[in-house]
Protein backbone atom coordinates (compact mmCIF):
# COMPACT_ATOMS: atom_id res chain seq x y z
CA MET A 1 -25.62 -7.32 11.98
CA ASP A 2 -22.64 -5.23 10.73
CA GLY A 3 -22.37 -1.69 12.30
CA CYS A 4 -24.91 -2.03 15.06
CA ARG A 5 -22.73 0.12 17.32
CA LEU A 6 -25.08 0.18 20.20
CA LEU A 7 -25.50 -3.52 20.53
CA LYS A 8 -23.97 -4.76 23.80
CA GLU A 9 -25.11 -8.58 23.86
CA LEU A 10 -26.94 -11.17 21.97
CA PRO A 11 -29.97 -13.27 23.41
CA GLU A 12 -29.37 -16.72 24.41
CA SER A 13 -32.01 -17.86 21.85
CA ILE A 14 -29.53 -17.22 19.21
CA GLY A 15 -28.47 -20.64 19.59
CA GLN A 16 -31.79 -21.80 18.16
CA LEU A 17 -30.86 -20.68 14.66
CA THR A 18 -29.28 -24.01 13.96
CA LEU A 19 -29.34 -23.59 10.26
CA LEU A 20 -27.32 -20.44 10.28
CA ARG A 21 -24.26 -20.55 7.84
CA HIS A 22 -23.12 -16.88 7.93
CA PHE A 23 -23.11 -14.64 10.96
CA SER A 24 -21.62 -11.20 10.61
CA LEU A 25 -21.15 -8.91 13.43
CA SER A 26 -18.72 -6.51 11.92
CA GLY A 27 -18.17 -3.18 13.67
CA CYS A 28 -20.32 -3.91 16.76
CA VAL A 29 -18.17 -1.87 18.81
CA SER A 30 -20.33 -2.05 22.02
CA LEU A 31 -20.50 -5.96 21.95
CA ASN A 32 -18.72 -7.13 25.00
CA GLN A 33 -19.64 -10.93 25.20
CA LEU A 34 -20.98 -13.82 23.23
CA PRO A 35 -23.76 -15.98 24.84
CA GLU A 36 -22.74 -19.79 25.34
CA SER A 37 -25.69 -20.85 23.27
CA ILE A 38 -23.90 -19.35 19.94
CA THR A 39 -21.70 -22.63 20.47
CA GLN A 40 -24.91 -24.80 19.39
CA LEU A 41 -24.45 -23.33 15.77
CA THR A 42 -22.73 -26.24 14.72
CA ARG A 43 -23.54 -25.66 11.06
CA LEU A 44 -22.05 -22.10 11.07
CA ASN A 45 -19.43 -21.77 8.36
CA HIS A 46 -18.36 -18.06 8.57
CA LEU A 47 -18.13 -16.00 11.61
CA LYS A 48 -17.09 -12.29 11.54
CA LEU A 49 -16.20 -10.38 14.84
CA ASN A 50 -13.78 -7.72 13.17
CA TYR A 51 -13.85 -4.32 15.01
CA CYS A 52 -15.55 -5.62 18.02
CA ARG A 53 -13.11 -3.94 20.04
CA ASN A 54 -15.06 -4.36 23.45
CA LEU A 55 -15.24 -8.11 23.00
CA LYS A 56 -12.45 -9.84 24.91
CA TRP A 57 -13.51 -13.23 25.57
CA LEU A 58 -14.78 -16.14 23.60
CA PRO A 59 -17.10 -18.95 25.06
CA GLU A 60 -15.04 -21.83 26.28
CA ARG A 61 -17.06 -24.31 24.11
CA MET A 62 -16.13 -22.66 20.87
CA GLY A 63 -14.70 -25.97 19.67
CA ASN A 64 -18.46 -27.10 19.51
CA MET A 65 -18.78 -25.12 16.23
CA GLN A 66 -17.19 -27.46 14.10
CA GLY A 67 -18.62 -26.24 10.87
CA LEU A 68 -16.57 -23.18 11.03
CA ILE A 69 -14.36 -22.57 7.84
CA THR A 70 -13.45 -18.98 8.34
CA PHE A 71 -12.93 -17.00 11.78
CA ASP A 72 -12.43 -13.23 11.31
CA ALA A 73 -11.84 -11.09 14.51
CA CYS A 74 -9.21 -8.65 13.33
CA HIS A 75 -9.36 -5.30 15.10
CA SER A 76 -11.16 -6.92 17.95
CA GLY A 77 -10.43 -6.89 21.84
CA ILE A 78 -9.96 -10.52 22.14
CA GLU A 79 -7.17 -11.40 24.49
CA GLN A 80 -6.87 -15.13 24.05
CA LEU A 81 -8.42 -18.13 22.28
CA PRO A 82 -10.01 -20.94 24.33
CA ASP A 83 -8.35 -24.16 24.53
CA SER A 84 -11.29 -25.74 22.64
CA PHE A 85 -10.56 -23.83 19.48
CA GLY A 86 -8.16 -26.53 18.35
CA GLU A 87 -11.46 -28.74 17.90
CA LEU A 88 -12.61 -26.37 14.92
CA ILE A 89 -11.15 -29.19 12.47
CA LYS A 90 -12.68 -27.69 9.34
CA LEU A 91 -11.16 -24.15 9.82
CA VAL A 92 -9.45 -23.00 6.81
CA ASP A 93 -8.87 -19.15 7.59
CA LEU A 94 -8.09 -17.70 10.97
CA ASN A 95 -7.77 -13.81 10.95
CA LEU A 96 -6.58 -12.05 14.26
CA HIS A 97 -4.89 -9.17 12.59
CA TRP A 98 -4.34 -6.09 14.79
CA CYS A 99 -5.80 -7.83 17.93
CA ILE A 100 -3.81 -5.61 20.13
CA ASN A 101 -4.84 -7.41 23.48
CA LEU A 102 -4.33 -10.84 22.10
CA THR A 103 -1.39 -12.34 24.32
CA PHE A 104 -1.89 -16.18 23.96
CA LEU A 105 -2.64 -18.83 21.31
CA PRO A 106 -3.43 -22.27 22.82
CA ASP A 107 -1.21 -25.28 21.83
CA SER A 108 -4.23 -27.09 20.61
CA ILE A 109 -4.13 -24.88 17.59
CA GLY A 110 -1.76 -27.45 16.14
CA LYS A 111 -4.91 -29.66 15.48
CA LEU A 112 -6.24 -27.31 12.84
CA MET A 113 -5.04 -29.67 9.96
CA LEU A 114 -6.83 -27.86 7.31
CA LEU A 115 -5.94 -24.34 8.20
CA LYS A 116 -4.30 -22.49 5.33
CA ALA A 117 -3.99 -18.97 6.55
CA LEU A 118 -3.15 -17.66 9.95
CA ASP A 119 -2.72 -13.99 10.62
CA VAL A 120 -1.92 -12.62 14.22
CA CYS A 121 0.06 -9.54 12.81
CA ARG A 122 0.33 -6.36 15.42
CA SER A 123 -1.06 -8.64 18.26
CA LYS A 124 0.90 -8.96 21.57
CA LEU A 125 1.79 -12.46 21.19
CA LYS A 126 5.36 -13.29 22.69
CA ARG A 127 5.46 -16.80 21.14
CA LEU A 128 3.88 -19.01 18.55
CA PRO A 129 2.36 -22.38 19.79
CA LYS A 130 4.99 -25.27 20.03
CA GLU A 131 2.62 -27.56 17.97
CA LEU A 132 2.48 -24.94 15.15
CA GLY A 133 4.29 -27.55 12.80
CA LYS A 134 1.43 -30.12 12.89
CA MET A 135 -0.74 -27.65 10.72
CA GLN A 136 0.55 -29.43 7.33
CA SER A 137 -1.99 -27.35 5.18
CA LEU A 138 -0.71 -23.91 6.40
CA GLU A 139 0.19 -21.78 3.37
CA ARG A 140 0.25 -18.18 4.71
CA LEU A 141 1.65 -17.33 8.17
CA HIS A 142 1.68 -13.65 8.94
CA ALA A 143 3.24 -13.23 12.24
CA CYS A 144 4.69 -9.82 12.45
CA CYS A 145 4.40 -9.07 16.35
CA GLU A 146 6.88 -6.94 17.88
CA GLN A 147 7.04 -8.99 21.03
CA ILE A 148 7.84 -12.45 19.48
CA ASN A 149 11.62 -13.19 20.38
CA GLU A 150 11.73 -16.73 18.85
CA LEU A 151 10.13 -19.23 16.58
CA PRO A 152 9.22 -22.81 17.66
CA ASP A 153 11.48 -25.40 16.09
CA SER A 154 8.37 -27.32 14.68
CA ILE A 155 7.91 -24.48 12.06
CA GLY A 156 10.15 -26.44 9.75
CA GLN A 157 7.55 -29.07 9.37
CA LEU A 158 5.06 -26.60 7.50
CA SER A 159 5.74 -28.49 4.29
CA SER A 160 3.01 -26.36 2.41
CA LEU A 161 4.00 -22.92 3.69
CA GLN A 162 4.52 -20.40 0.95
CA VAL A 163 4.25 -17.17 2.71
CA LEU A 164 6.27 -16.25 6.03
CA ASN A 165 5.96 -12.85 7.17
CA LEU A 166 7.99 -11.67 10.16
CA SER A 167 8.29 -7.98 9.10
CA ARG A 168 7.67 -6.47 12.66
CA CYS A 169 9.18 -9.06 14.75
CA HIS A 170 11.96 -6.51 16.00
CA ASN A 171 12.53 -8.50 19.15
CA LEU A 172 13.34 -11.83 17.15
CA ARG A 173 16.57 -13.12 18.56
CA TYR A 174 16.33 -16.83 17.79
CA LEU A 175 15.52 -18.44 14.28
CA PRO A 176 15.59 -22.41 14.33
CA GLY A 177 17.48 -23.89 11.81
CA SER A 178 14.64 -26.00 10.73
CA ILE A 179 13.17 -22.99 8.93
CA TRP A 180 15.27 -23.66 6.15
CA ASN A 181 13.47 -27.01 5.45
CA LEU A 182 10.62 -24.87 4.07
CA THR A 183 11.11 -25.96 0.52
CA SER A 184 7.66 -24.30 -0.61
CA LEU A 185 8.49 -21.04 0.74
CA SER A 186 7.92 -18.40 -2.02
CA SER A 187 7.92 -15.22 0.11
CA LEU A 188 10.16 -14.45 3.03
CA GLN A 189 10.14 -11.15 5.09
CA PHE A 190 12.52 -10.58 7.87
CA PRO A 191 12.37 -7.62 10.51
CA SER A 192 14.69 -4.82 9.65
CA SER A 193 16.04 -5.24 13.01
CA TYR A 194 17.08 -8.99 12.60
CA ARG A 195 20.74 -9.72 11.99
CA GLU A 196 21.49 -13.55 12.58
CA ILE A 197 20.65 -14.83 9.33
CA THR A 198 24.12 -15.79 8.02
CA ASN A 199 22.93 -19.36 6.99
CA LEU A 200 19.97 -18.32 5.02
CA PRO A 201 21.43 -18.58 1.44
CA GLU A 202 22.99 -22.21 1.57
CA ARG A 203 19.83 -23.60 3.07
CA VAL A 204 17.27 -22.18 0.85
CA LYS A 205 18.76 -21.77 -2.47
CA SER A 206 17.01 -24.85 -3.73
CA THR A 207 13.59 -23.31 -3.12
CA GLN A 208 11.78 -21.26 -5.62
CA LEU A 209 11.69 -18.11 -3.49
CA GLU A 210 9.91 -15.31 -5.36
CA ARG A 211 9.89 -12.63 -2.44
CA LEU A 212 12.53 -11.84 -0.05
CA GLU A 213 12.85 -8.97 2.45
CA LEU A 214 15.97 -8.75 4.65
CA CYS A 215 18.47 -6.41 6.44
CA CYS A 216 22.15 -7.34 5.75
CA ASN A 217 25.32 -6.07 4.77
CA ILE A 218 24.68 -5.84 0.96
CA ARG A 219 28.39 -6.41 0.07
CA LEU A 220 28.64 -9.62 1.83
CA TRP A 221 25.21 -10.82 0.79
CA LEU A 222 25.00 -9.69 -2.78
CA PRO A 223 26.67 -12.94 -4.16
CA LYS A 224 24.31 -15.16 -2.17
CA ILE A 225 21.34 -13.02 -3.14
CA GLN A 226 22.21 -13.29 -6.76
CA SER A 227 21.81 -17.20 -6.38
CA PHE A 228 18.10 -16.81 -6.04
CA SER A 229 17.20 -16.75 -9.72
CA SER A 230 13.55 -17.18 -9.23
CA LEU A 231 13.25 -13.70 -7.14
CA LYS A 232 10.61 -11.46 -8.46
CA ARG A 233 10.45 -9.07 -5.53
CA LEU A 234 13.41 -7.93 -3.56
CA SER A 235 13.54 -5.54 -0.68
CA ILE A 236 17.01 -4.80 0.99
CA THR A 237 17.89 -2.66 3.96
CA ASP A 238 21.65 -1.94 3.87
CA GLU A 239 23.59 -2.42 7.07
CA SER A 240 27.00 -1.86 5.71
CA GLN A 241 29.31 0.23 7.96
CA SER A 242 32.00 1.09 5.52
CA PHE A 243 31.90 3.23 2.41
CA SER A 244 32.85 1.90 -0.96
CA THR A 245 32.66 3.17 -4.57
CA GLU A 246 32.86 -0.44 -6.12
CA PRO A 247 29.99 -0.87 -8.38
CA LEU A 248 27.18 -3.61 -7.46
CA SER A 249 25.23 -5.79 -9.97
CA LEU A 250 21.78 -7.15 -9.94
CA LEU A 251 21.90 -8.23 -13.51
CA LYS A 252 21.62 -12.04 -12.75
CA LEU A 253 18.28 -11.56 -11.15
CA SER A 254 16.73 -11.78 -14.66
CA ASN A 255 13.15 -12.47 -13.04
CA LEU A 256 13.25 -9.51 -10.80
CA ARG A 257 10.42 -7.17 -11.15
CA HIS A 258 10.21 -5.20 -7.99
CA LEU A 259 13.17 -3.85 -6.21
CA SER A 260 13.17 -1.73 -3.14
CA LEU A 261 16.50 -0.32 -1.65
CA HIS A 262 16.84 1.28 1.75
CA ASN A 263 19.67 3.05 3.36
CA HIS A 264 22.21 2.08 0.68
CA SER A 265 24.53 5.23 1.42
CA GLY A 266 27.29 2.60 1.83
CA CYS A 267 27.38 2.39 -1.89
CA GLY A 268 28.66 5.91 -2.14
CA PRO A 269 27.60 8.07 -5.31
CA SER A 270 27.45 4.91 -7.55
CA PHE A 271 24.34 2.74 -8.17
CA TYR A 272 23.55 -0.70 -8.95
CA GLU A 273 23.37 -2.23 -12.22
CA LEU A 274 19.78 -3.17 -12.71
CA PRO A 275 18.14 -6.21 -14.44
CA LEU A 276 16.46 -5.12 -17.65
CA ASN A 277 12.89 -6.43 -16.79
CA LEU A 278 12.53 -4.45 -13.81
CA GLN A 279 8.91 -2.99 -13.44
CA GLN A 280 9.00 -1.11 -10.26
CA LEU A 281 12.05 0.77 -8.47
CA TRP A 282 11.88 2.19 -4.98
CA VAL A 283 14.98 3.98 -3.58
CA ASN A 284 14.71 5.21 -0.03
CA ASP A 285 17.21 6.96 2.55
CA ASN A 286 20.27 7.21 0.52
CA ALA A 287 22.13 10.08 1.75
CA THR A 288 25.19 9.89 -0.55
CA MET A 289 23.72 9.18 -4.17
CA GLU A 290 24.04 12.33 -6.17
CA GLN A 291 22.49 10.92 -9.52
CA LEU A 292 20.90 7.73 -10.61
CA PRO A 293 22.09 6.03 -13.85
CA ASP A 294 20.39 6.34 -17.22
CA LEU A 295 17.27 4.35 -16.70
CA SER A 296 15.85 4.72 -20.27
CA ARG A 297 17.16 1.18 -21.21
CA LEU A 298 14.65 -0.33 -18.75
CA LYS A 299 11.85 -0.73 -21.18
CA CYS A 300 9.74 -2.46 -18.64
CA LEU A 301 9.87 0.12 -15.87
CA ARG A 302 6.48 1.33 -15.00
CA GLU A 303 7.12 2.97 -11.57
CA LEU A 304 9.90 4.88 -10.00
CA VAL A 305 9.77 6.19 -6.31
CA ILE A 306 12.62 8.11 -4.86
CA SER A 307 12.35 9.08 -1.15
CA ALA A 308 14.70 11.00 1.29
CA CYS A 309 17.73 10.87 -1.15
CA ILE A 310 19.19 14.11 0.24
CA SER A 311 22.12 14.49 -2.11
CA LEU A 312 20.39 13.63 -5.45
CA ARG A 313 20.63 16.57 -7.66
CA SER A 314 18.97 15.31 -10.94
CA LEU A 315 16.96 12.68 -12.43
CA PRO A 316 18.40 10.71 -15.59
CA PRO A 317 16.82 9.90 -18.82
CA LEU A 318 13.68 7.90 -17.98
CA PRO A 319 12.05 5.00 -19.79
CA PRO A 320 9.27 5.96 -22.39
CA HIS A 321 6.76 3.74 -20.87
CA LEU A 322 6.92 5.02 -17.14
CA GLN A 323 3.57 5.26 -15.60
CA SER A 324 4.13 6.76 -12.26
CA LEU A 325 7.00 9.00 -10.96
CA GLU A 326 7.30 10.23 -7.43
CA ALA A 327 9.96 12.09 -5.56
CA ASP A 328 9.72 12.88 -1.82
CA GLU A 329 12.09 14.81 0.52
CA CYS A 330 14.83 14.88 -2.19
CA THR A 331 16.04 18.45 -0.93
CA LYS A 332 18.78 19.05 -3.49
CA LEU A 333 16.89 17.81 -6.38
CA GLN A 334 16.95 20.42 -9.19
CA ASP A 335 16.96 19.04 -12.56
CA VAL A 336 14.23 16.97 -14.10
CA PRO A 337 14.40 15.50 -17.70
CA ASP A 338 11.64 16.40 -20.45
CA LEU A 339 8.67 14.80 -18.89
CA SER A 340 6.54 15.39 -22.28
CA MET A 341 8.45 12.21 -23.63
CA LEU A 342 6.70 10.03 -21.09
CA LYS A 343 3.57 9.28 -23.11
CA GLU A 344 2.03 6.86 -20.76
CA LEU A 345 2.54 8.76 -17.45
CA LYS A 346 -0.53 8.55 -15.22
CA GLU A 347 0.78 9.78 -11.76
CA LEU A 348 3.41 12.48 -11.14
CA SER A 349 4.44 13.84 -7.62
CA PHE A 350 7.12 15.91 -6.34
CA VAL A 351 6.87 16.50 -2.51
CA LYS A 352 9.17 18.32 -0.26
CA CYS A 353 11.88 18.93 -2.98
CA SER A 354 12.45 22.41 -1.82
CA ASN A 355 15.26 23.22 -4.66
CA LEU A 356 12.79 22.22 -7.33
CA LYS A 357 10.74 25.29 -7.98
CA SER A 358 8.40 24.04 -10.80
CA ILE A 359 7.58 21.47 -13.30
CA SER A 360 6.87 22.35 -17.00
CA LEU A 361 3.81 20.61 -18.47
CA LYS A 362 3.07 21.28 -22.04
CA GLU A 363 -0.63 21.51 -23.27
CA SER A 364 0.18 18.80 -25.86
CA SER A 365 1.31 16.72 -23.11
CA LEU A 366 -1.75 17.10 -20.96
CA GLN A 367 -3.92 16.23 -24.02
CA ALA A 368 -2.02 12.99 -24.64
CA ARG A 369 -2.22 12.05 -20.90
CA LEU A 370 -5.85 12.39 -20.79
CA LEU A 371 -6.24 9.06 -22.35
CA PHE A 372 -4.83 7.67 -18.82
CA SER A 373 -6.56 10.17 -16.51
CA PHE A 374 -3.54 12.01 -15.64
CA ARG A 375 -2.89 13.22 -12.00
CA ALA A 376 0.00 15.39 -10.71
CA ASP A 377 0.94 16.91 -7.49
CA LEU A 378 3.58 19.71 -8.23
CA PRO A 379 5.70 22.40 -6.49
CA ASN A 380 4.29 25.11 -8.93
CA ARG A 381 2.88 28.24 -7.54
CA MET A 382 1.32 29.44 -10.61
CA ILE A 383 -0.91 28.21 -13.44
CA PRO A 384 0.38 27.99 -16.94
CA GLU A 385 -0.59 31.09 -19.02
CA TRP A 386 -1.93 28.58 -21.87
CA PHE A 387 -4.95 27.62 -19.65
CA ASN A 388 -8.35 28.85 -20.97
CA TYR A 389 -9.93 29.86 -17.79
CA THR A 390 -8.57 31.04 -14.31
CA SER A 391 -10.21 32.22 -11.25
CA ARG A 392 -9.83 33.03 -7.58
CA GLU A 393 -13.45 32.76 -7.02
CA CYS A 394 -15.14 29.27 -6.30
CA LYS A 395 -16.79 28.85 -9.82
CA LEU A 396 -16.11 29.16 -13.47
CA SER A 397 -18.82 29.01 -16.41
CA PHE A 398 -18.11 28.33 -19.97
CA GLN A 399 -19.22 26.67 -23.05
CA ILE A 400 -17.51 23.97 -24.80
CA PRO A 401 -17.24 25.28 -28.38
CA PRO A 402 -19.86 23.58 -30.69
CA ALA A 403 -17.44 23.37 -33.72
CA LEU A 404 -15.18 21.17 -31.80
CA GLY A 405 -17.16 17.89 -32.54
CA ASP A 406 -15.06 14.71 -31.90
CA SER A 407 -11.89 16.72 -31.24
CA PHE A 408 -13.06 17.50 -27.73
CA LEU A 409 -11.33 15.20 -25.24
CA GLY A 410 -11.92 16.46 -21.95
CA ILE A 411 -11.11 19.20 -19.33
CA ALA A 412 -7.94 19.71 -17.26
CA LEU A 413 -8.04 21.34 -13.85
CA TRP A 414 -5.11 22.98 -12.18
CA VAL A 415 -5.50 24.18 -8.65
CA VAL A 416 -2.96 26.03 -6.56
CA TYR A 417 -3.68 25.07 -2.96
CA LYS A 418 -1.98 24.78 0.60
CA CYS A 419 -3.04 22.66 3.34
CA LYS A 420 -1.48 23.02 6.98
CA GLU A 421 -2.37 19.44 8.14
CA THR A 422 -2.66 16.64 5.66
CA HIS A 423 -3.77 13.06 5.70
CA ILE A 424 -3.68 10.33 2.91
CA LEU A 425 -7.33 11.25 2.30
CA SER A 426 -7.01 15.04 2.45
CA HIS A 427 -8.72 16.41 -0.65
CA TYR A 428 -10.88 19.00 -2.28
CA ARG A 429 -13.98 18.41 -4.72
CA ALA A 430 -14.36 19.74 -8.17
CA VAL A 431 -18.23 19.93 -9.09
CA ILE A 432 -18.80 19.83 -13.02
CA THR A 433 -22.45 20.78 -13.82
CA ASN A 434 -23.62 20.41 -17.39
CA LYS A 435 -26.37 22.95 -17.53
CA THR A 436 -27.37 21.71 -21.10
CA LYS A 437 -28.05 18.00 -20.09
CA ALA A 438 -28.87 18.71 -16.40
CA THR A 439 -26.16 16.23 -15.16
CA ARG A 440 -23.36 16.68 -12.45
CA LYS A 441 -20.11 15.06 -11.91
CA ASP A 442 -18.31 15.31 -8.52
CA VAL A 443 -14.52 14.53 -8.77
CA ASN A 444 -12.50 14.14 -5.40
CA ILE A 445 -9.00 15.34 -5.94
CA TYR A 446 -6.46 14.19 -3.34
CA VAL A 447 -3.49 16.24 -2.23
CA ALA A 448 0.03 15.14 -1.30
CA GLU A 449 0.44 13.81 2.21
CA ARG A 450 2.88 15.67 4.51
CA ASN A 451 2.62 18.71 2.19
CA GLY A 452 2.92 21.36 4.77
CA VAL A 453 1.84 25.07 4.27
CA GLU A 454 3.57 25.97 1.07
CA LEU A 455 1.69 26.51 -2.11
CA ARG A 456 1.61 23.71 -4.42
CA SER A 457 -0.32 22.63 -7.49
CA THR A 458 -2.40 19.53 -8.38
CA VAL A 459 -3.50 18.95 -11.95
CA GLN A 460 -6.08 16.41 -12.99
CA CYS A 461 -7.46 15.37 -16.33
CA ILE A 462 -11.09 14.45 -16.59
CA ARG A 463 -12.41 12.70 -19.85
CA ALA A 464 -15.42 14.10 -21.50
CA LYS A 465 -17.32 10.65 -21.21
CA GLU A 466 -16.67 10.63 -17.50
CA MET A 467 -18.67 13.92 -17.33
CA SER A 468 -21.28 13.35 -19.81
CA VAL A 469 -20.11 16.51 -21.66
CA GLU A 470 -19.70 17.09 -25.28
CA SER A 471 -19.03 19.98 -27.96
CA GLY A 472 -21.64 22.71 -27.41
CA ASP A 473 -22.51 22.06 -23.72
CA GLN A 474 -22.65 24.91 -21.38
CA ILE A 475 -21.11 23.85 -18.24
CA THR A 476 -20.10 25.26 -14.74
CA VAL A 477 -17.16 24.05 -12.63
CA SER A 478 -17.03 24.95 -8.96
CA ILE A 479 -14.30 24.08 -6.34
CA GLU A 480 -15.45 23.10 -2.87
CA ARG A 481 -13.13 23.08 0.13
CA ILE A 482 -13.42 20.19 2.49
CA LEU A 483 -12.56 19.74 6.10
CA TYR A 484 -12.07 16.00 5.96
CA CYS A 485 -12.50 14.01 9.02
CA TYR A 486 -11.56 10.27 8.47
CA LYS A 487 -13.05 7.74 10.68
CA ASP A 488 -10.60 5.63 13.00
CA ALA A 489 -12.75 2.57 13.31
CA PHE A 490 -10.69 0.98 16.13
CA LYS A 491 -10.96 4.03 18.27
CA GLY A 492 -14.35 4.97 17.21
CA LYS A 493 -14.08 8.47 16.62
CA LYS A 494 -13.45 11.04 13.75
CA VAL A 495 -9.97 12.37 13.29
CA PRO A 496 -9.63 15.67 11.32
CA SER A 497 -7.07 15.71 8.68
CA GLY A 498 -7.17 19.44 7.83
CA GLU A 499 -8.67 21.86 5.35
CA VAL A 500 -7.29 22.22 1.65
CA GLU A 501 -7.22 26.16 1.08
CA VAL A 502 -7.48 26.98 -2.66
CA GLU A 503 -5.44 30.01 -3.68
CA THR A 504 -6.41 29.88 -7.47
CA TRP A 505 -7.47 27.46 -10.00
CA GLY A 506 -8.08 27.08 -13.59
CA ALA A 507 -9.87 25.07 -16.52
CA HIS A 508 -8.59 24.19 -19.70
CA ILE A 509 -10.49 22.34 -22.66
CA LEU A 510 -8.31 19.47 -23.84
CA LEU A 511 -8.52 18.61 -27.67
CA LYS A 512 -7.17 15.93 -29.83
CA THR A 513 -3.72 16.19 -30.99
CA ASP A 514 -0.96 14.52 -32.82
CA ILE A 515 0.47 12.35 -29.94
CA SER A 516 3.44 11.03 -32.26
CA VAL A 517 5.11 14.41 -32.05
CA LEU A 518 5.43 14.33 -28.27
């Protein structure tokens, strides 16, 4: 019964459906109660109440539904679970994510011996049940709730726990020593506001920890972090108060694949020595770093994101297999290396880099990147002169030359635009009509979030096969501006995200080229 927005209640006769196994009421935003008879559905395995935001209470005899395996009430209005909930002894997955009215979990929840996943993130819980440790099958606990100020001592008994997410517990003041008994732990996320974790490394270095997020004085903690040789993902918010130019090294973390560094201004203009197998690097809020080291030796690096590094003036040589490059709010950035050398680049974005006037993209570079459906968001205010067709109108018509044959790869679109208000879903639409074959292809092209009102460019390459276009076809390409309103499912209303205003745009026919010369 998903999306029945006007449904306010269910009939008592619902309890007569005794063979029912799956019942979904997702998005029934007006539903304000469940009949007591629903507890007669003892064979029900899966119950979905997500986005039922007016549903505040559950029947007291919910425990009678002992066939339940999954219970999903995320984004609902539920305020607490009944005491009988602990009788759902077959329950494996309990999802209460973003239940912003949820204030209480009964201690009886400790009886859920088969429960593997519990998610109470973004709720108003102030504590977790004292008997939490009895849930010996629990593998994933997501408890990032801002009002939780301590964890129960019994948490150390969760011998199967692999993922512990406390990332939004900003009021957390007490962490029981028993937490370091969790030898199965592979992912541990602390809130950035938590400081009292001085006993972490010595107690958990024997675990196979693969993911660690913490806030600390990096100079004090780095030797201890390096002892976690199994780490694959590491996120550090640096709390160093003093400034130092001594180099730091992460080379010992040979298994590290994803590294995120926040607020590492205490390191001064220098940077870390990075492990060679790194695949993803995020550097955020570094106010003192003027340049990154030569990254070209990181042959495995696929993604580089640099945000709010306000002293950064240039980008270093980059690894040839980089697929995504993003710079955001790097206000002094001026110099960018030759991007034509990045043969596998799929995404390119420079947002609010006010000193960076334009990015050079060569025709041969776009031809090579068409193989990867290349997309870019750039500070450029003009279309390159080598583009075949340009217009300030909404439509262009042209023929793909018949003599091209298999040399025709696709079409590149370059649009100069501005958007006063942007959201992650703000976009315009390119409509490609093949008049020869009477086919149509709609392509949504998304614009940079937090763009502002300045003119910018988006570039997108579209393969010939995706458009059903080949040599000799007569086609028309038109650009549609969109006032996009995204739907806030929890508030039940649409929120405008702004209109993309197109200043000028162009289309270019892409041909096969000798990619080896790039």
